[in-house]
Amino acid sequence: MQGNGEDRDNDDAVRAAEFASPFDRPEWFDLLEAHGFAAGGRFDAGGSAGAATVRLPLRIEAPGHLAGLTNWYSFAIRPLWSPGGDRGAALADLFRALRARAARLSLYPVRDGEQDEIIAALRAVGWRVKAAPAGDRHWLDLGDMGHDAWWAGRPGALRSTVQRKAKKGIVAIEILTAFDAAAWAAYEAVYAASWKPEEGDPALLRAFAEMEGTRGTLRMGIARIGEAAVAAQFWTVEDGTAFIHKLAHVEDSLKASPGTLLSAALFRHVIEIDGVKRVDFGTGDDAYKRDWMNRHDPLWRIEAFNLSRATAWEPALKAFARSLLRKDK
C-alpha cells in the first residue's frame, strides 16, 4: 500500500539533507518493492509545514509495526526533503500522522548526525524513543585534498603494495562507466569464486547496476590476470560522492593483489575524473576499510513506540528493560 495522498510525481524534487545518494531516490524504493522487500505492504509517509514537505518510504513489518524501506544493500534511511521551509515542523507532522496507523516504528541504518532531528520530531508528537548505535560506517572526506595528497596519507604498507604489484604488470585493470553484460557476468563469476557468502539478491543487484548505468552514475571495475577476471567492484558516483557497493576477488589470486590494485585505480578515477569529495564505504567495520578512509562514524537504530496503543507496550517494555539492565552492569 502506498501513499497518504501525496503526489509521487513530485518525488524527483524531494532531496535529502547534506548530499543525495542512490538510496534517496524513488527508483530505489520501487526496486526494493518490486523485489519483495515490502512483502507486507508499502507505505510512503508524508508530512508538511508551510513550504516544507518531507517523505519517508516505509514497509509494513507486521500489523502496527512500520520500518524503513531498506535491505542489506542500503547504506542508510533518512527523511527526504523538499527545499526550504521548517524541516522540524514538517517531520513532526509526518510522525504525528503515523501515530494514527502504527504502534511501532523502526529505522535503521540512520547516519550519525541525522538521528537527532528524527528523535526530536518523534518525541515532540508523543512517541517514546529508544536510539542506540548499532553498526559502523567508514567514509572518506577529501576536503581540499586531491588524489595525490590523499594517497600520500595512506598507510605505507598499502602504498608499497600498490607500487610493487603495479610495477610487475601482471594485473590488467578495466574501468567501465556504462553497464556491460559481459563485465557483469565477470563480476558474478568473481563473486561466486570469492570468500564471500552467497549473494543476497543477485537479480535486484543487477537491476540496480543497470539502472545506475542508464543514469550515467555506474563505475564498474574489473581486474584480470591474462584472460581471467580475478577481482571486480561495483561503485556509483552521485552529487560529489562515490559509493562503494560491492567488491570481490578470487582467493587464489591474492599474491598479485588484484583487489587492492583495482581499488587504487577506482579511487584515482572517481577523485581525478569524477571530482568527488567523499567516498562512502557503506556499512560495516571491516578493518581493511580504515586503510582507505579517514572518517569512522556509528550508525544508529531508532525504535519508536506509540504508547497510546496497547500493542506497543510489550515491545517497548522489552526494549527499555534491556537498556536499563545494561546501565546497571
C-alpha atoms as a PDB file:
ATOM      1  CA  MET A   1       0.000   0.000   0.000  1.00  0.00           C
ATOM      2  CA  GLN A   2       1.441   3.353  -0.979  1.00  0.00           C
ATOM      3  CA  GLY A   3       0.985   6.922  -0.026  1.00  0.00           C
ATOM      4  CA  ASN A   4      -1.191   9.154   2.057  1.00  0.00           C
ATOM      5  CA  GLY A   5      -2.453  11.432  -0.684  1.00  0.00           C
ATOM      6  CA  GLU A   6       0.997  12.756  -1.682  1.00  0.00           C
ATOM      7  CA  ASP A   7       1.735  13.042  -5.415  1.00  0.00           C
ATOM      8  CA  ARG A   8       4.586  10.622  -6.135  1.00  0.00           C
ATOM      9  CA  ASP A   9       5.336  12.513  -9.362  1.00  0.00           C
ATOM     10  CA  ASN A  10       6.918  15.146  -7.120  1.00  0.00           C
ATOM     11  CA  ASP A  11       9.398  12.664  -5.634  1.00  0.00           C
ATOM     12  CA  ASP A  12      12.162  13.709  -8.007  1.00  0.00           C
ATOM     13  CA  ALA A  13      12.162  17.143  -6.384  1.00  0.00           C
ATOM     14  CA  VAL A  14      12.487  15.734  -2.877  1.00  0.00           C
ATOM     15  CA  ARG A  15      16.090  15.863  -1.709  1.00  0.00           C
ATOM     16  CA  ALA A  16      17.723  14.647   1.449  1.00  0.00           C
ATOM     17  CA  ALA A  17      19.811  16.713   3.800  1.00  0.00           C
ATOM     18  CA  GLU A  18      23.527  17.103   3.005  1.00  0.00           C
ATOM     19  CA  PHE A  19      24.131  15.245  -0.274  1.00  0.00           C
ATOM     20  CA  ALA A  20      21.979  12.930  -2.326  1.00  0.00           C
ATOM     21  CA  SER A  21      22.636   9.216  -2.696  1.00  0.00           C
ATOM     22  CA  PRO A  22      21.220   6.340  -4.742  1.00  0.00           C
ATOM     23  CA  PHE A  23      19.237   5.375  -1.640  1.00  0.00           C
ATOM     24  CA  ASP A  24      17.323   8.668  -1.622  1.00  0.00           C
ATOM     25  CA  ARG A  25      15.653   8.248  -4.994  1.00  0.00           C
ATOM     26  CA  PRO A  26      12.136   6.874  -5.588  1.00  0.00           C
ATOM     27  CA  GLU A  27      13.513   4.378  -8.127  1.00  0.00           C
ATOM     28  CA  TRP A  28      15.498   2.665  -5.372  1.00  0.00           C
ATOM     29  CA  PHE A  29      12.429   2.181  -3.198  1.00  0.00           C
ATOM     30  CA  ASP A  30      10.407   0.999  -6.191  1.00  0.00           C
ATOM     31  CA  LEU A  31      13.164  -1.534  -6.897  1.00  0.00           C
ATOM     32  CA  LEU A  32      13.056  -2.838  -3.327  1.00  0.00           C
ATOM     33  CA  GLU A  33       9.284  -3.170  -3.501  1.00  0.00           C
ATOM     34  CA  ALA A  34       9.449  -4.960  -6.863  1.00  0.00           C
ATOM     35  CA  HIS A  35      11.916  -7.487  -5.447  1.00  0.00           C
ATOM     36  CA  GLY A  36       9.822  -8.391  -2.422  1.00  0.00           C
ATOM     37  CA  PHE A  37      11.300  -6.199   0.310  1.00  0.00           C
ATOM     38  CA  ALA A  38       7.910  -4.761   1.170  1.00  0.00           C
ATOM     39  CA  ALA A  39       6.052  -8.070   1.178  1.00  0.00           C
ATOM     40  CA  GLY A  40       3.762  -6.957   3.995  1.00  0.00           C
ATOM     41  CA  GLY A  41       2.934  -3.746   2.159  1.00  0.00           C
ATOM     42  CA  ARG A  42       4.491  -0.366   1.494  1.00  0.00           C
ATOM     43  CA  PHE A  43       3.536   2.984   2.972  1.00  0.00           C
ATOM     44  CA  ASP A  44       5.102   6.279   1.855  1.00  0.00           C
ATOM     45  CA  ALA A  45       4.625   8.548   4.855  1.00  0.00           C
ATOM     46  CA  GLY A  46       4.451  12.276   4.222  1.00  0.00           C
ATOM     47  CA  GLY A  47       4.315  15.495   6.180  1.00  0.00           C
ATOM     48  CA  SER A  48       4.348  19.226   5.547  1.00  0.00           C
ATOM     49  CA  ALA A  49       4.614  22.576   7.268  1.00  0.00           C
ATOM     50  CA  GLY A  50       4.215  25.633   5.101  1.00  0.00           C
ATOM     51  CA  ALA A  51       6.591  25.302   2.159  1.00  0.00           C
ATOM     52  CA  ALA A  52       8.419  22.323   3.647  1.00  0.00           C
ATOM     53  CA  THR A  53       7.444  18.781   2.662  1.00  0.00           C
ATOM     54  CA  VAL A  54       9.033  15.520   3.720  1.00  0.00           C
ATOM     55  CA  ARG A  55       8.630  11.880   2.737  1.00  0.00           C
ATOM     56  CA  LEU A  56       9.742   8.662   4.395  1.00  0.00           C
ATOM     57  CA  PRO A  57       9.336   5.361   2.492  1.00  0.00           C
ATOM     58  CA  LEU A  58       8.307   2.580   4.872  1.00  0.00           C
ATOM     59  CA  ARG A  59       7.299  -1.057   4.774  1.00  0.00           C
ATOM     60  CA  ILE A  60       4.770  -2.841   6.952  1.00  0.00           C
ATOM     61  CA  GLU A  61       6.936  -5.111   9.084  1.00  0.00           C
ATOM     62  CA  ALA A  62       3.970  -6.571  10.982  1.00  0.00           C
ATOM     63  CA  PRO A  63       0.478  -5.347  11.892  1.00  0.00           C
ATOM     64  CA  GLY A  64       1.007  -1.990  13.588  1.00  0.00           C
ATOM     65  CA  HIS A  65       4.787  -2.058  13.029  1.00  0.00           C
ATOM     66  CA  LEU A  66       6.318   0.130  10.307  1.00  0.00           C
ATOM     67  CA  ALA A  67      10.004   0.099   9.347  1.00  0.00           C
ATOM     68  CA  GLY A  68      12.244   1.975   6.954  1.00  0.00           C
ATOM     69  CA  LEU A  69      12.116   0.531   3.430  1.00  0.00           C
ATOM     70  CA  THR A  70      15.667  -0.855   3.284  1.00  0.00           C
ATOM     71  CA  ASN A  71      17.561  -4.078   2.742  1.00  0.00           C
ATOM     72  CA  TRP A  72      21.158  -5.265   3.203  1.00  0.00           C
ATOM     73  CA  TYR A  73      22.327  -3.212   0.191  1.00  0.00           C
ATOM     74  CA  SER A  74      21.048   0.052   1.728  1.00  0.00           C
ATOM     75  CA  PHE A  75      23.643   2.413   3.184  1.00  0.00           C
ATOM     76  CA  ALA A  76      21.062   4.480   5.088  1.00  0.00           C
ATOM     77  CA  ILE A  77      17.445   5.513   5.534  1.00  0.00           C
ATOM     78  CA  ARG A  78      16.515   9.126   6.157  1.00  0.00           C
ATOM     79  CA  PRO A  79      13.687  11.609   5.587  1.00  0.00           C
ATOM     80  CA  LEU A  80      13.599  13.090   2.073  1.00  0.00           C
ATOM     81  CA  TRP A  81      13.009  16.818   1.941  1.00  0.00           C
ATOM     82  CA  SER A  82      11.807  19.438  -0.444  1.00  0.00           C
ATOM     83  CA  PRO A  83      13.936  22.593  -0.339  1.00  0.00           C
ATOM     84  CA  GLY A  84      13.143  25.305   2.199  1.00  0.00           C
ATOM     85  CA  GLY A  85      10.638  25.684   4.985  1.00  0.00           C
ATOM     86  CA  ASP A  86      10.531  24.421   8.559  1.00  0.00           C
ATOM     87  CA  ARG A  87      12.022  20.907   8.371  1.00  0.00           C
ATOM     88  CA  GLY A  88      11.411  20.072  12.016  1.00  0.00           C
ATOM     89  CA  ALA A  89       7.738  21.023  11.840  1.00  0.00           C
ATOM     90  CA  ALA A  90       7.249  19.038   8.619  1.00  0.00           C
ATOM     91  CA  LEU A  91       8.892  15.963  10.123  1.00  0.00           C
ATOM     92  CA  ALA A  92       6.788  16.289  13.277  1.00  0.00           C
ATOM     93  CA  ASP A  93       3.698  16.444  11.054  1.00  0.00           C
ATOM     94  CA  LEU A  94       4.780  13.193   9.374  1.00  0.00           C
ATOM     95  CA  PHE A  95       5.305  11.401  12.688  1.00  0.00           C
ATOM     96  CA  ARG A  96       2.068  12.789  14.117  1.00  0.00           C
ATOM     97  CA  ALA A  97       0.139  11.287  11.218  1.00  0.00           C
ATOM     98  CA  LEU A  98       1.899   7.941  11.728  1.00  0.00           C
ATOM     99  CA  ARG A  99       0.510   7.700  15.264  1.00  0.00           C
ATOM    100  CA  ALA A 100      -2.917   7.141  13.709  1.00  0.00           C
ATOM    101  CA  ARG A 101      -1.761   3.957  11.980  1.00  0.00           C
ATOM    102  CA  ALA A 102       1.207   2.466  13.865  1.00  0.00           C
ATOM    103  CA  ALA A 103       2.177   1.302  17.333  1.00  0.00           C
ATOM    104  CA  ARG A 104       5.863   0.964  16.496  1.00  0.00           C
ATOM    105  CA  LEU A 105       8.363   2.476  14.067  1.00  0.00           C
ATOM    106  CA  SER A 106      11.860   1.092  13.339  1.00  0.00           C
ATOM    107  CA  LEU A 107      14.529   2.980  11.380  1.00  0.00           C
ATOM    108  CA  TYR A 108      17.933   1.504  10.529  1.00  0.00           C
ATOM    109  CA  PRO A 109      20.580   2.335   9.428  1.00  0.00           C
ATOM    110  CA  VAL A 110      20.488   6.052  10.287  1.00  0.00           C
ATOM    111  CA  ARG A 111      23.702   8.018   9.728  1.00  0.00           C
ATOM    112  CA  ASP A 112      25.426   9.687  12.655  1.00  0.00           C
ATOM    113  CA  GLY A 113      24.389  13.328  12.796  1.00  0.00           C
ATOM    114  CA  GLU A 114      20.981  12.660  11.258  1.00  0.00           C
ATOM    115  CA  GLN A 115      19.446  10.876  14.240  1.00  0.00           C
ATOM    116  CA  ASP A 116      18.898  13.915  16.468  1.00  0.00           C
ATOM    117  CA  GLU A 117      16.436  15.640  14.131  1.00  0.00           C
ATOM    118  CA  ILE A 118      14.428  12.427  13.764  1.00  0.00           C
ATOM    119  CA  ILE A 119      14.404  11.720  17.511  1.00  0.00           C
ATOM    120  CA  ALA A 120      13.375  15.284  18.377  1.00  0.00           C
ATOM    121  CA  ALA A 121      10.463  15.220  15.923  1.00  0.00           C
ATOM    122  CA  LEU A 122       9.269  11.828  17.188  1.00  0.00           C
ATOM    123  CA  ARG A 123       9.343  12.929  20.826  1.00  0.00           C
ATOM    124  CA  ALA A 124       7.664  16.242  20.027  1.00  0.00           C
ATOM    125  CA  VAL A 125       4.482  14.429  18.939  1.00  0.00           C
ATOM    126  CA  GLY A 126       4.389  11.795  21.661  1.00  0.00           C
ATOM    127  CA  TRP A 127       6.454   8.813  20.550  1.00  0.00           C
ATOM    128  CA  ARG A 128       8.601   7.087  23.168  1.00  0.00           C
ATOM    129  CA  VAL A 129      12.020   6.694  21.565  1.00  0.00           C
ATOM    130  CA  LYS A 130      14.964   4.389  22.086  1.00  0.00           C
ATOM    131  CA  ALA A 131      18.028   5.129  19.958  1.00  0.00           C
ATOM    132  CA  ALA A 132      21.445   3.490  20.097  1.00  0.00           C
ATOM    133  CA  PRO A 133      24.499   2.970  17.905  1.00  0.00           C
ATOM    134  CA  ALA A 134      24.184  -0.305  16.007  1.00  0.00           C
ATOM    135  CA  GLY A 135      26.889  -0.686  13.416  1.00  0.00           C
ATOM    136  CA  ASP A 136      29.587   1.338  11.732  1.00  0.00           C
ATOM    137  CA  ARG A 137      30.301   3.398   8.653  1.00  0.00           C
ATOM    138  CA  HIS A 138      33.701   4.215   7.137  1.00  0.00           C
ATOM    139  CA  TRP A 139      33.955   7.070   4.682  1.00  0.00           C
ATOM    140  CA  LEU A 140      36.457   9.423   3.122  1.00  0.00           C
ATOM    141  CA  ASP A 141      36.177  13.190   3.461  1.00  0.00           C
ATOM    142  CA  LEU A 142      38.638  14.652   0.960  1.00  0.00           C
ATOM    143  CA  GLY A 143      38.048  18.275   1.865  1.00  0.00           C
ATOM    144  CA  ASP A 144      40.529  20.259  -0.253  1.00  0.00           C
ATOM    145  CA  MET A 145      42.753  17.249  -0.956  1.00  0.00           C
ATOM    146  CA  GLY A 146      43.362  15.975  -4.449  1.00  0.00           C
ATOM    147  CA  HIS A 147      44.225  12.372  -5.217  1.00  0.00           C
ATOM    148  CA  ASP A 148      47.977  12.685  -4.613  1.00  0.00           C
ATOM    149  CA  ALA A 149      47.603  14.378  -1.220  1.00  0.00           C
ATOM    150  CA  TRP A 150      45.072  11.766  -0.118  1.00  0.00           C
ATOM    151  CA  TRP A 151      47.243   8.910  -1.357  1.00  0.00           C
ATOM    152  CA  ALA A 152      50.309  10.283   0.455  1.00  0.00           C
ATOM    153  CA  GLY A 153      48.368   9.959   3.697  1.00  0.00           C
ATOM    154  CA  ARG A 154      47.530   6.279   3.226  1.00  0.00           C
ATOM    155  CA  PRO A 155      49.437   3.654   5.250  1.00  0.00           C
ATOM    156  CA  GLY A 156      52.926   2.957   3.949  1.00  0.00           C
ATOM    157  CA  ALA A 157      52.247  -0.765   3.589  1.00  0.00           C
ATOM    158  CA  LEU A 158      49.272  -0.085   1.304  1.00  0.00           C
ATOM    159  CA  ARG A 159      51.182   2.369  -0.887  1.00  0.00           C
ATOM    160  CA  SER A 160      54.129  -0.021  -1.118  1.00  0.00           C
ATOM    161  CA  THR A 161      51.884  -2.928  -2.128  1.00  0.00           C
ATOM    162  CA  VAL A 162      50.254  -0.929  -4.927  1.00  0.00           C
ATOM    163  CA  GLN A 163      53.616   0.323  -6.204  1.00  0.00           C
ATOM    164  CA  ARG A 164      55.276  -3.122  -6.182  1.00  0.00           C
ATOM    165  CA  LYS A 165      52.362  -5.070  -7.655  1.00  0.00           C
ATOM    166  CA  ALA A 166      51.588  -2.490 -10.327  1.00  0.00           C
ATOM    167  CA  LYS A 167      55.227  -2.492 -11.431  1.00  0.00           C
ATOM    168  CA  LYS A 168      55.066  -6.231 -12.145  1.00  0.00           C
ATOM    169  CA  GLY A 169      52.364  -5.661 -14.751  1.00  0.00           C
ATOM    170  CA  ILE A 170      50.589  -8.929 -14.033  1.00  0.00           C
ATOM    171  CA  VAL A 171      47.171  -7.395 -13.372  1.00  0.00           C
ATOM    172  CA  ALA A 172      45.240  -5.512 -16.075  1.00  0.00           C
ATOM    173  CA  ILE A 173      42.590  -3.033 -14.941  1.00  0.00           C
ATOM    174  CA  GLU A 174      39.430  -2.037 -16.815  1.00  0.00           C
ATOM    175  CA  ILE A 175      37.045   0.668 -15.609  1.00  0.00           C
ATOM    176  CA  LEU A 176      33.617   0.973 -17.214  1.00  0.00           C
ATOM    177  CA  THR A 177      31.174   3.859 -16.901  1.00  0.00           C
ATOM    178  CA  ALA A 178      28.202   2.115 -18.537  1.00  0.00           C
ATOM    179  CA  PHE A 179      26.530  -1.185 -17.804  1.00  0.00           C
ATOM    180  CA  ASP A 180      28.069  -4.055 -19.756  1.00  0.00           C
ATOM    181  CA  ALA A 181      26.546  -7.542 -19.615  1.00  0.00           C
ATOM    182  CA  ALA A 182      29.891  -9.279 -20.076  1.00  0.00           C
ATOM    183  CA  ALA A 183      31.515  -7.230 -17.316  1.00  0.00           C
ATOM    184  CA  TRP A 184      28.588  -8.006 -15.010  1.00  0.00           C
ATOM    185  CA  ALA A 185      28.920 -11.717 -15.778  1.00  0.00           C
ATOM    186  CA  ALA A 186      32.625 -11.409 -14.870  1.00  0.00           C
ATOM    187  CA  TYR A 187      31.667  -9.745 -11.575  1.00  0.00           C
ATOM    188  CA  GLU A 188      29.221 -12.555 -10.777  1.00  0.00           C
ATOM    189  CA  ALA A 189      31.862 -15.197 -11.585  1.00  0.00           C
ATOM    190  CA  VAL A 190      34.436 -13.473  -9.361  1.00  0.00           C
ATOM    191  CA  TYR A 191      31.920 -13.126  -6.534  1.00  0.00           C
ATOM    192  CA  ALA A 192      30.990 -16.821  -6.789  1.00  0.00           C
ATOM    193  CA  ALA A 193      34.694 -17.772  -6.528  1.00  0.00           C
ATOM    194  CA  SER A 194      35.404 -15.378  -3.649  1.00  0.00           C
ATOM    195  CA  TRP A 195      35.340 -15.838   0.108  1.00  0.00           C
ATOM    196  CA  LYS A 196      32.014 -14.034   0.354  1.00  0.00           C
ATOM    197  CA  PRO A 197      28.690 -15.684   1.210  1.00  0.00           C
ATOM    198  CA  GLU A 198      26.064 -16.250  -1.447  1.00  0.00           C
ATOM    199  CA  GLU A 199      24.754 -13.001  -2.909  1.00  0.00           C
ATOM    200  CA  GLY A 200      21.593 -11.897  -1.130  1.00  0.00           C
ATOM    201  CA  ASP A 201      19.569 -10.915  -4.190  1.00  0.00           C
ATOM    202  CA  PRO A 202      21.592 -11.048  -7.430  1.00  0.00           C
ATOM    203  CA  ALA A 203      18.613 -10.075  -9.598  1.00  0.00           C
ATOM    204  CA  LEU A 204      17.996  -6.899  -7.590  1.00  0.00           C
ATOM    205  CA  LEU A 205      21.702  -6.022  -7.625  1.00  0.00           C
ATOM    206  CA  ARG A 206      21.896  -6.401 -11.401  1.00  0.00           C
ATOM    207  CA  ALA A 207      18.745  -4.343 -11.878  1.00  0.00           C
ATOM    208  CA  PHE A 208      20.275  -1.648  -9.669  1.00  0.00           C
ATOM    209  CA  ALA A 209      23.517  -1.691 -11.694  1.00  0.00           C
ATOM    210  CA  GLU A 210      21.563  -1.449 -14.961  1.00  0.00           C
ATOM    211  CA  MET A 211      19.563   1.468 -13.580  1.00  0.00           C
ATOM    212  CA  GLU A 212      22.725   3.292 -12.497  1.00  0.00           C
ATOM    213  CA  GLY A 213      24.296   2.580 -15.883  1.00  0.00           C
ATOM    214  CA  THR A 214      21.352   4.255 -17.576  1.00  0.00           C
ATOM    215  CA  ARG A 215      21.750   7.278 -15.300  1.00  0.00           C
ATOM    216  CA  GLY A 216      25.471   7.508 -16.075  1.00  0.00           C
ATOM    217  CA  THR A 217      26.491   7.034 -12.426  1.00  0.00           C
ATOM    218  CA  LEU A 218      27.861   3.470 -12.658  1.00  0.00           C
ATOM    219  CA  ARG A 219      31.587   2.841 -12.178  1.00  0.00           C
ATOM    220  CA  MET A 220      32.478  -0.812 -12.714  1.00  0.00           C
ATOM    221  CA  GLY A 221      35.997  -2.150 -12.256  1.00  0.00           C
ATOM    222  CA  ILE A 222      37.371  -5.486 -13.459  1.00  0.00           C
ATOM    223  CA  ALA A 223      40.905  -6.774 -12.778  1.00  0.00           C
ATOM    224  CA  ARG A 224      42.252  -9.581 -14.954  1.00  0.00           C
ATOM    225  CA  ILE A 225      45.271 -11.830 -14.980  1.00  0.00           C
ATOM    226  CA  GLY A 226      45.577 -12.978 -18.556  1.00  0.00           C
ATOM    227  CA  GLU A 227      42.024 -13.596 -19.755  1.00  0.00           C
ATOM    228  CA  ALA A 228      40.638 -14.449 -16.331  1.00  0.00           C
ATOM    229  CA  ALA A 229      38.744 -11.907 -14.227  1.00  0.00           C
ATOM    230  CA  VAL A 230      40.147 -12.133 -10.688  1.00  0.00           C
ATOM    231  CA  ALA A 231      38.648  -9.060  -8.978  1.00  0.00           C
ATOM    232  CA  ALA A 232      35.575  -6.925  -9.566  1.00  0.00           C
ATOM    233  CA  GLN A 233      33.980  -3.890  -7.938  1.00  0.00           C
ATOM    234  CA  PHE A 234      30.682  -2.039  -8.348  1.00  0.00           C
ATOM    235  CA  TRP A 235      30.663   1.673  -7.441  1.00  0.00           C
ATOM    236  CA  THR A 236      28.397   4.612  -8.266  1.00  0.00           C
ATOM    237  CA  VAL A 237      29.010   8.370  -8.227  1.00  0.00           C
ATOM    238  CA  GLU A 238      26.409  10.980  -7.362  1.00  0.00           C
ATOM    239  CA  ASP A 239      26.352  14.541  -6.041  1.00  0.00           C
ATOM    240  CA  GLY A 240      30.087  14.649  -5.278  1.00  0.00           C
ATOM    241  CA  THR A 241      30.178  11.240  -3.580  1.00  0.00           C
ATOM    242  CA  ALA A 242      31.393   7.835  -4.713  1.00  0.00           C
ATOM    243  CA  PHE A 243      29.547   4.873  -3.190  1.00  0.00           C
ATOM    244  CA  ILE A 244      31.315   1.501  -2.966  1.00  0.00           C
ATOM    245  CA  HIS A 245      28.550  -1.096  -3.231  1.00  0.00           C
ATOM    246  CA  LYS A 246      30.244  -4.427  -3.906  1.00  0.00           C
ATOM    247  CA  LEU A 247      33.761  -5.791  -4.208  1.00  0.00           C
ATOM    248  CA  ALA A 248      35.188  -9.290  -4.501  1.00  0.00           C
ATOM    249  CA  HIS A 249      38.318 -11.112  -5.587  1.00  0.00           C
ATOM    250  CA  VAL A 250      39.274 -14.695  -6.328  1.00  0.00           C
ATOM    251  CA  GLU A 251      41.130 -16.190  -3.382  1.00  0.00           C
ATOM    252  CA  ASP A 252      43.953 -17.873  -5.288  1.00  0.00           C
ATOM    253  CA  SER A 253      44.907 -14.555  -6.920  1.00  0.00           C
ATOM    254  CA  LEU A 254      45.825 -12.861  -3.648  1.00  0.00           C
ATOM    255  CA  LYS A 255      49.589 -12.821  -4.263  1.00  0.00           C
ATOM    256  CA  ALA A 256      49.030 -10.429  -7.165  1.00  0.00           C
ATOM    257  CA  SER A 257      46.808  -8.155  -5.001  1.00  0.00           C
ATOM    258  CA  PRO A 258      44.253  -7.549  -7.787  1.00  0.00           C
ATOM    259  CA  GLY A 259      41.596  -6.245  -5.408  1.00  0.00           C
ATOM    260  CA  THR A 260      43.978  -3.673  -3.932  1.00  0.00           C
ATOM    261  CA  LEU A 261      45.164  -2.547  -7.365  1.00  0.00           C
ATOM    262  CA  LEU A 262      41.575  -2.277  -8.568  1.00  0.00           C
ATOM    263  CA  SER A 263      40.571  -0.208  -5.539  1.00  0.00           C
ATOM    264  CA  ALA A 264      43.517   2.139  -6.103  1.00  0.00           C
ATOM    265  CA  ALA A 265      42.530   2.592  -9.758  1.00  0.00           C
ATOM    266  CA  LEU A 266      38.891   3.298  -8.914  1.00  0.00           C
ATOM    267  CA  PHE A 267      39.815   5.791  -6.197  1.00  0.00           C
ATOM    268  CA  ARG A 268      42.034   7.610  -8.698  1.00  0.00           C
ATOM    269  CA  HIS A 269      39.249   7.610 -11.293  1.00  0.00           C
ATOM    270  CA  VAL A 270      36.494   8.969  -9.061  1.00  0.00           C
ATOM    271  CA  ILE A 271      38.749  11.609  -7.479  1.00  0.00           C
ATOM    272  CA  GLU A 272      40.599  12.823 -10.572  1.00  0.00           C
ATOM    273  CA  ILE A 273      37.979  12.312 -13.299  1.00  0.00           C
ATOM    274  CA  ASP A 274      34.638  12.446 -11.486  1.00  0.00           C
ATOM    275  CA  GLY A 275      35.863  15.049  -8.996  1.00  0.00           C
ATOM    276  CA  VAL A 276      34.207  13.518  -5.926  1.00  0.00           C
ATOM    277  CA  LYS A 277      34.833  14.985  -2.483  1.00  0.00           C
ATOM    278  CA  ARG A 278      33.573  11.993  -0.498  1.00  0.00           C
ATOM    279  CA  VAL A 279      33.779   8.222  -0.784  1.00  0.00           C
ATOM    280  CA  ASP A 280      31.286   6.121   1.198  1.00  0.00           C
ATOM    281  CA  PHE A 281      32.289   2.538   2.012  1.00  0.00           C
ATOM    282  CA  GLY A 282      28.817   1.638   3.239  1.00  0.00           C
ATOM    283  CA  THR A 283      28.005  -0.284   6.385  1.00  0.00           C
ATOM    284  CA  GLY A 284      30.382  -2.491   8.340  1.00  0.00           C
ATOM    285  CA  ASP A 285      33.549  -2.095  10.394  1.00  0.00           C
ATOM    286  CA  ASP A 286      35.865  -4.245   8.252  1.00  0.00           C
ATOM    287  CA  ALA A 287      39.456  -3.486   9.232  1.00  0.00           C
ATOM    288  CA  TYR A 288      40.705  -3.033   5.657  1.00  0.00           C
ATOM    289  CA  LYS A 289      38.385  -0.041   5.152  1.00  0.00           C
ATOM    290  CA  ARG A 290      40.495   2.008   7.559  1.00  0.00           C
ATOM    291  CA  ASP A 291      43.430   1.915   5.131  1.00  0.00           C
ATOM    292  CA  TRP A 292      41.397   3.828   2.540  1.00  0.00           C
ATOM    293  CA  MET A 293      39.174   6.091   4.643  1.00  0.00           C
ATOM    294  CA  ASN A 294      39.698   8.888   7.162  1.00  0.00           C
ATOM    295  CA  ARG A 295      36.308   9.024   8.896  1.00  0.00           C
ATOM    296  CA  HIS A 296      34.541   6.449  11.064  1.00  0.00           C
ATOM    297  CA  ASP A 297      31.037   7.049  12.423  1.00  0.00           C
ATOM    298  CA  PRO A 298      28.452   4.904  14.172  1.00  0.00           C
ATOM    299  CA  LEU A 299      25.171   4.031  12.519  1.00  0.00           C
ATOM    300  CA  TRP A 300      22.027   4.371  14.618  1.00  0.00           C
ATOM    301  CA  ARG A 301      18.992   2.223  15.194  1.00  0.00           C
ATOM    302  CA  ILE A 302      15.875   4.153  16.196  1.00  0.00           C
ATOM    303  CA  GLU A 303      12.914   2.357  17.754  1.00  0.00           C
ATOM    304  CA  ALA A 304       9.828   4.444  18.490  1.00  0.00           C
ATOM    305  CA  PHE A 305       6.745   3.297  20.389  1.00  0.00           C
ATOM    306  CA  ASN A 306       3.262   4.783  20.343  1.00  0.00           C
ATOM    307  CA  LEU A 307       2.145   4.002  23.890  1.00  0.00           C
ATOM    308  CA  SER A 308      -1.426   5.102  23.150  1.00  0.00           C
ATOM    309  CA  ARG A 309      -1.713   1.660  21.516  1.00  0.00           C
ATOM    310  CA  ALA A 310      -1.664  -1.406  23.732  1.00  0.00           C
ATOM    311  CA  THR A 311       0.245  -3.423  21.132  1.00  0.00           C
ATOM    312  CA  ALA A 312       3.263  -1.133  21.726  1.00  0.00           C
ATOM    313  CA  TRP A 313       3.526  -1.877  25.437  1.00  0.00           C
ATOM    314  CA  GLU A 314       5.219  -5.273  25.324  1.00  0.00           C
ATOM    315  CA  PRO A 315       7.939  -4.425  22.726  1.00  0.00           C
ATOM    316  CA  ALA A 316       8.554  -1.082  24.447  1.00  0.00           C
ATOM    317  CA  LEU A 317       8.927  -2.788  27.823  1.00  0.00           C
ATOM    318  CA  LYS A 318      11.423  -5.257  26.355  1.00  0.00           C
ATOM    319  CA  ALA A 319      13.413  -2.516  24.616  1.00  0.00           C
ATOM    320  CA  PHE A 320      13.717  -0.262  27.626  1.00  0.00           C
ATOM    321  CA  ALA A 321      14.257  -3.124  30.070  1.00  0.00           C
ATOM    322  CA  ARG A 322      17.313  -4.231  28.075  1.00  0.00           C
ATOM    323  CA  SER A 323      18.766  -0.724  28.146  1.00  0.00           C
ATOM    324  CA  LEU A 324      18.185  -0.419  31.897  1.00  0.00           C
ATOM    325  CA  LEU A 325      19.902  -3.750  32.517  1.00  0.00           C
ATOM    326  CA  ARG A 326      22.944  -2.618  30.515  1.00  0.00           C
ATOM    327  CA  LYS A 327      23.173   0.568  32.592  1.00  0.00           C
ATOM    328  CA  ASP A 328      23.174  -1.472  35.809  1.00  0.00           C
ATOM    329  CA  LYS A 329      26.164  -3.595  34.742  1.00  0.00           C
END
